[in-house]
């Protein structure tokens, strides 16, 4: 293992020491666990959010299908 230096404020160091004493491990062990946990979260594939719509476009001039009813909109010629 390689040694490194981490700068912490007094409150965080005290909290780490307290937690380490409760668990019966060293502060170094807690820091390594926290780093491992953070890295494993980073390496895990993130779940993609479900789409809020399925191919529908929200535009101010778009008319929802339920408003169209049985009418067929006039489609301009493409040429």
N, C-alpha and C. Protein backbone atom coordinates (compact mmCIF):
# COMPACT_ATOMS: atom_id res chain seq x y z
N UNK A 1 0.83 -1.18 0.00
CA UNK A 1 0.00 0.00 0.00
C UNK A 1 0.88 1.24 0.00
N UNK A 2 0.34 2.30 -0.53
CA UNK A 2 1.03 3.57 -0.57
C UNK A 2 0.42 4.51 0.46
N UNK A 3 1.24 5.27 1.13
CA UNK A 3 0.74 6.22 2.11
C UNK A 3 0.38 7.52 1.42
N UNK A 4 -0.62 8.20 1.95
CA UNK A 4 -1.01 9.50 1.44
C UNK A 4 -1.48 10.36 2.62
N UNK A 5 -1.61 11.63 2.40
CA UNK A 5 -2.03 12.55 3.45
C UNK A 5 -3.38 13.11 3.09
N UNK A 6 -4.26 13.14 4.06
CA UNK A 6 -5.59 13.72 3.89
C UNK A 6 -5.76 14.81 4.93
N UNK A 7 -6.23 15.97 4.53
CA UNK A 7 -6.44 17.08 5.45
C UNK A 7 -7.91 17.13 5.82
N UNK A 8 -8.20 17.07 7.12
CA UNK A 8 -9.58 17.09 7.63
C UNK A 8 -9.70 18.15 8.71
N UNK A 9 -10.91 18.67 8.88
CA UNK A 9 -11.12 19.56 10.01
C UNK A 9 -11.27 18.72 11.28
N UNK A 10 -11.17 19.38 12.42
CA UNK A 10 -11.13 18.68 13.71
C UNK A 10 -12.39 17.87 13.97
N UNK A 11 -13.56 18.40 13.58
CA UNK A 11 -14.82 17.69 13.84
C UNK A 11 -14.89 16.38 13.08
N UNK A 12 -14.46 16.40 11.83
CA UNK A 12 -14.51 15.17 11.02
C UNK A 12 -13.53 14.13 11.55
N UNK A 13 -12.34 14.59 11.94
CA UNK A 13 -11.35 13.66 12.47
C UNK A 13 -11.84 13.05 13.79
N UNK A 14 -12.45 13.85 14.64
CA UNK A 14 -13.00 13.33 15.90
C UNK A 14 -14.10 12.31 15.63
N UNK A 15 -14.97 12.61 14.65
CA UNK A 15 -16.04 11.68 14.31
C UNK A 15 -15.48 10.37 13.77
N UNK A 16 -14.45 10.47 12.93
CA UNK A 16 -13.80 9.26 12.41
C UNK A 16 -13.17 8.44 13.52
N UNK A 17 -12.49 9.10 14.44
CA UNK A 17 -11.86 8.39 15.55
C UNK A 17 -12.90 7.70 16.42
N UNK A 18 -14.02 8.38 16.67
CA UNK A 18 -15.09 7.80 17.48
C UNK A 18 -15.67 6.57 16.79
N UNK A 19 -15.96 6.70 15.50
CA UNK A 19 -16.52 5.58 14.75
C UNK A 19 -15.54 4.41 14.68
N UNK A 20 -14.27 4.73 14.48
CA UNK A 20 -13.25 3.67 14.43
C UNK A 20 -13.16 2.93 15.76
N UNK A 21 -13.23 3.68 16.86
CA UNK A 21 -13.16 3.05 18.19
C UNK A 21 -14.39 2.17 18.43
N UNK A 22 -15.57 2.64 18.00
CA UNK A 22 -16.80 1.84 18.17
C UNK A 22 -16.72 0.54 17.40
N UNK A 23 -16.14 0.59 16.21
CA UNK A 23 -16.06 -0.60 15.36
C UNK A 23 -14.82 -1.44 15.64
N UNK A 24 -13.87 -0.88 16.38
CA UNK A 24 -12.66 -1.63 16.69
C UNK A 24 -11.70 -1.72 15.52
N UNK A 25 -11.69 -0.69 14.68
CA UNK A 25 -10.78 -0.65 13.53
C UNK A 25 -10.01 0.67 13.57
N UNK A 26 -9.06 0.81 12.68
CA UNK A 26 -8.29 2.05 12.62
C UNK A 26 -9.00 3.08 11.74
N UNK A 27 -8.59 4.33 11.91
CA UNK A 27 -9.12 5.40 11.06
C UNK A 27 -8.74 5.13 9.61
N UNK A 28 -7.55 4.63 9.39
CA UNK A 28 -7.10 4.30 8.03
C UNK A 28 -8.03 3.29 7.38
N UNK A 29 -8.45 2.30 8.15
CA UNK A 29 -9.35 1.28 7.64
C UNK A 29 -10.69 1.91 7.22
N UNK A 30 -11.21 2.82 8.05
CA UNK A 30 -12.46 3.49 7.71
C UNK A 30 -12.33 4.31 6.43
N UNK A 31 -11.21 5.01 6.31
CA UNK A 31 -10.99 5.83 5.12
C UNK A 31 -10.90 4.94 3.88
N UNK A 32 -10.18 3.82 3.98
CA UNK A 32 -10.09 2.90 2.83
C UNK A 32 -11.46 2.34 2.46
N UNK A 33 -12.28 1.98 3.47
CA UNK A 33 -13.63 1.48 3.20
C UNK A 33 -14.48 2.53 2.48
N UNK A 34 -14.38 3.77 2.95
CA UNK A 34 -15.16 4.85 2.32
C UNK A 34 -14.73 5.06 0.88
N UNK A 35 -13.42 5.02 0.63
CA UNK A 35 -12.92 5.19 -0.74
C UNK A 35 -13.37 4.03 -1.61
N UNK A 36 -13.27 2.80 -1.10
CA UNK A 36 -13.72 1.63 -1.86
C UNK A 36 -15.20 1.73 -2.20
N UNK A 37 -16.00 2.15 -1.23
CA UNK A 37 -17.44 2.28 -1.46
C UNK A 37 -17.73 3.33 -2.52
N UNK A 38 -17.07 4.46 -2.45
CA UNK A 38 -17.29 5.53 -3.43
C UNK A 38 -16.86 5.09 -4.82
N UNK A 39 -15.74 4.41 -4.91
CA UNK A 39 -15.27 3.94 -6.21
C UNK A 39 -16.19 2.87 -6.79
N UNK A 40 -16.72 1.99 -5.95
CA UNK A 40 -17.61 0.96 -6.47
C UNK A 40 -18.91 1.57 -6.97
N UNK A 41 -19.38 2.65 -6.35
CA UNK A 41 -20.57 3.34 -6.84
C UNK A 41 -20.29 3.98 -8.19
N UNK A 42 -19.10 4.51 -8.35
CA UNK A 42 -18.72 5.15 -9.60
C UNK A 42 -18.63 4.13 -10.73
N UNK A 43 -18.16 2.93 -10.42
CA UNK A 43 -17.97 1.91 -11.44
C UNK A 43 -19.25 1.16 -11.78
N UNK A 44 -20.24 1.21 -10.86
CA UNK A 44 -21.51 0.54 -11.14
C UNK A 44 -22.25 1.27 -12.24
N UNK A 45 -22.86 0.53 -13.16
CA UNK A 45 -23.64 1.23 -14.19
C UNK A 45 -24.84 1.91 -13.55
N UNK A 46 -25.04 3.15 -13.93
CA UNK A 46 -26.17 3.91 -13.38
C UNK A 46 -27.45 3.50 -14.09
N UNK A 47 -28.52 3.46 -13.32
CA UNK A 47 -29.81 3.15 -13.92
C UNK A 47 -30.29 4.37 -14.68
N UNK A 48 -30.73 4.12 -15.88
CA UNK A 48 -31.26 5.22 -16.67
C UNK A 48 -32.68 5.51 -16.22
N UNK A 49 -33.05 6.78 -16.16
CA UNK A 49 -34.42 7.10 -15.76
C UNK A 49 -35.41 6.66 -16.83
N UNK A 50 -36.59 6.28 -16.38
CA UNK A 50 -37.62 5.89 -17.34
C UNK A 50 -38.05 7.13 -18.12
N UNK A 51 -38.34 6.95 -19.41
CA UNK A 51 -38.78 8.10 -20.20
C UNK A 51 -40.12 8.62 -19.70
N UNK A 52 -40.28 9.93 -19.75
CA UNK A 52 -41.54 10.51 -19.31
C UNK A 52 -42.58 10.48 -20.43
N UNK A 53 -42.11 10.27 -21.65
CA UNK A 53 -43.04 10.15 -22.76
C UNK A 53 -42.45 9.17 -23.76
N UNK A 54 -43.29 8.63 -24.58
CA UNK A 54 -42.83 7.65 -25.57
C UNK A 54 -42.98 8.23 -26.97
N UNK A 55 -42.01 8.99 -27.39
CA UNK A 55 -42.01 9.54 -28.73
C UNK A 55 -42.95 10.70 -28.94
N UNK A 56 -43.54 11.20 -27.89
CA UNK A 56 -44.44 12.34 -28.02
C UNK A 56 -43.65 13.62 -27.84
N UNK A 57 -43.98 14.61 -28.61
CA UNK A 57 -43.29 15.88 -28.55
C UNK A 57 -44.16 16.89 -27.82
N UNK A 58 -43.57 17.61 -26.90
CA UNK A 58 -44.31 18.66 -26.22
C UNK A 58 -43.94 19.98 -26.87
N UNK A 59 -44.87 20.54 -27.59
CA UNK A 59 -44.66 21.83 -28.23
C UNK A 59 -45.95 22.64 -28.09
N UNK A 60 -45.83 23.96 -28.01
CA UNK A 60 -47.03 24.77 -27.82
C UNK A 60 -48.04 24.66 -28.96
N UNK A 61 -47.55 24.38 -30.17
CA UNK A 61 -48.47 24.30 -31.31
C UNK A 61 -48.94 22.87 -31.60
N UNK A 62 -48.48 21.89 -30.82
CA UNK A 62 -48.89 20.50 -31.03
C UNK A 62 -50.28 20.28 -30.44
N UNK A 63 -51.12 19.56 -31.18
CA UNK A 63 -52.47 19.25 -30.72
C UNK A 63 -52.51 17.80 -30.28
N UNK A 64 -52.88 17.54 -29.01
CA UNK A 64 -52.95 16.16 -28.56
C UNK A 64 -53.98 15.35 -29.34
N UNK A 65 -53.73 14.07 -29.48
CA UNK A 65 -54.59 13.19 -30.26
C UNK A 65 -56.01 13.18 -29.71
N UNK A 66 -56.17 13.26 -28.39
CA UNK A 66 -57.53 13.21 -27.84
C UNK A 66 -58.35 14.45 -28.24
N UNK A 67 -57.66 15.56 -28.56
CA UNK A 67 -58.39 16.74 -29.00
C UNK A 67 -58.78 16.63 -30.47
N UNK A 68 -58.02 15.84 -31.23
CA UNK A 68 -58.32 15.68 -32.65
C UNK A 68 -59.55 14.81 -32.86
N UNK A 69 -59.74 13.85 -31.99
CA UNK A 69 -60.90 12.97 -32.12
C UNK A 69 -60.83 12.18 -33.41
N UNK A 70 -61.92 12.18 -34.18
CA UNK A 70 -61.99 11.43 -35.43
C UNK A 70 -61.55 12.24 -36.63
N UNK A 71 -61.19 13.49 -36.42
CA UNK A 71 -60.79 14.32 -37.56
C UNK A 71 -59.37 13.97 -37.99
N UNK A 72 -59.11 14.10 -39.26
CA UNK A 72 -57.79 13.84 -39.80
C UNK A 72 -57.19 15.18 -40.20
N UNK A 73 -56.03 15.50 -39.69
CA UNK A 73 -55.43 16.78 -40.05
C UNK A 73 -55.01 16.81 -41.51
N UNK A 74 -55.07 17.98 -42.11
CA UNK A 74 -54.68 18.12 -43.49
C UNK A 74 -53.15 18.15 -43.55
N UNK A 75 -52.60 17.26 -44.36
CA UNK A 75 -51.16 17.16 -44.48
C UNK A 75 -50.74 17.82 -45.78
N UNK A 76 -49.88 18.82 -45.72
CA UNK A 76 -49.46 19.49 -46.96
C UNK A 76 -48.62 18.55 -47.82
N UNK A 77 -48.66 18.73 -49.14
CA UNK A 77 -47.85 17.87 -50.01
C UNK A 77 -46.37 18.09 -49.74
N UNK A 78 -45.61 17.06 -49.92
CA UNK A 78 -44.20 17.15 -49.59
C UNK A 78 -43.36 17.67 -50.75
N UNK A 79 -43.96 17.77 -51.95
CA UNK A 79 -43.21 18.30 -53.10
C UNK A 79 -43.67 19.67 -53.45
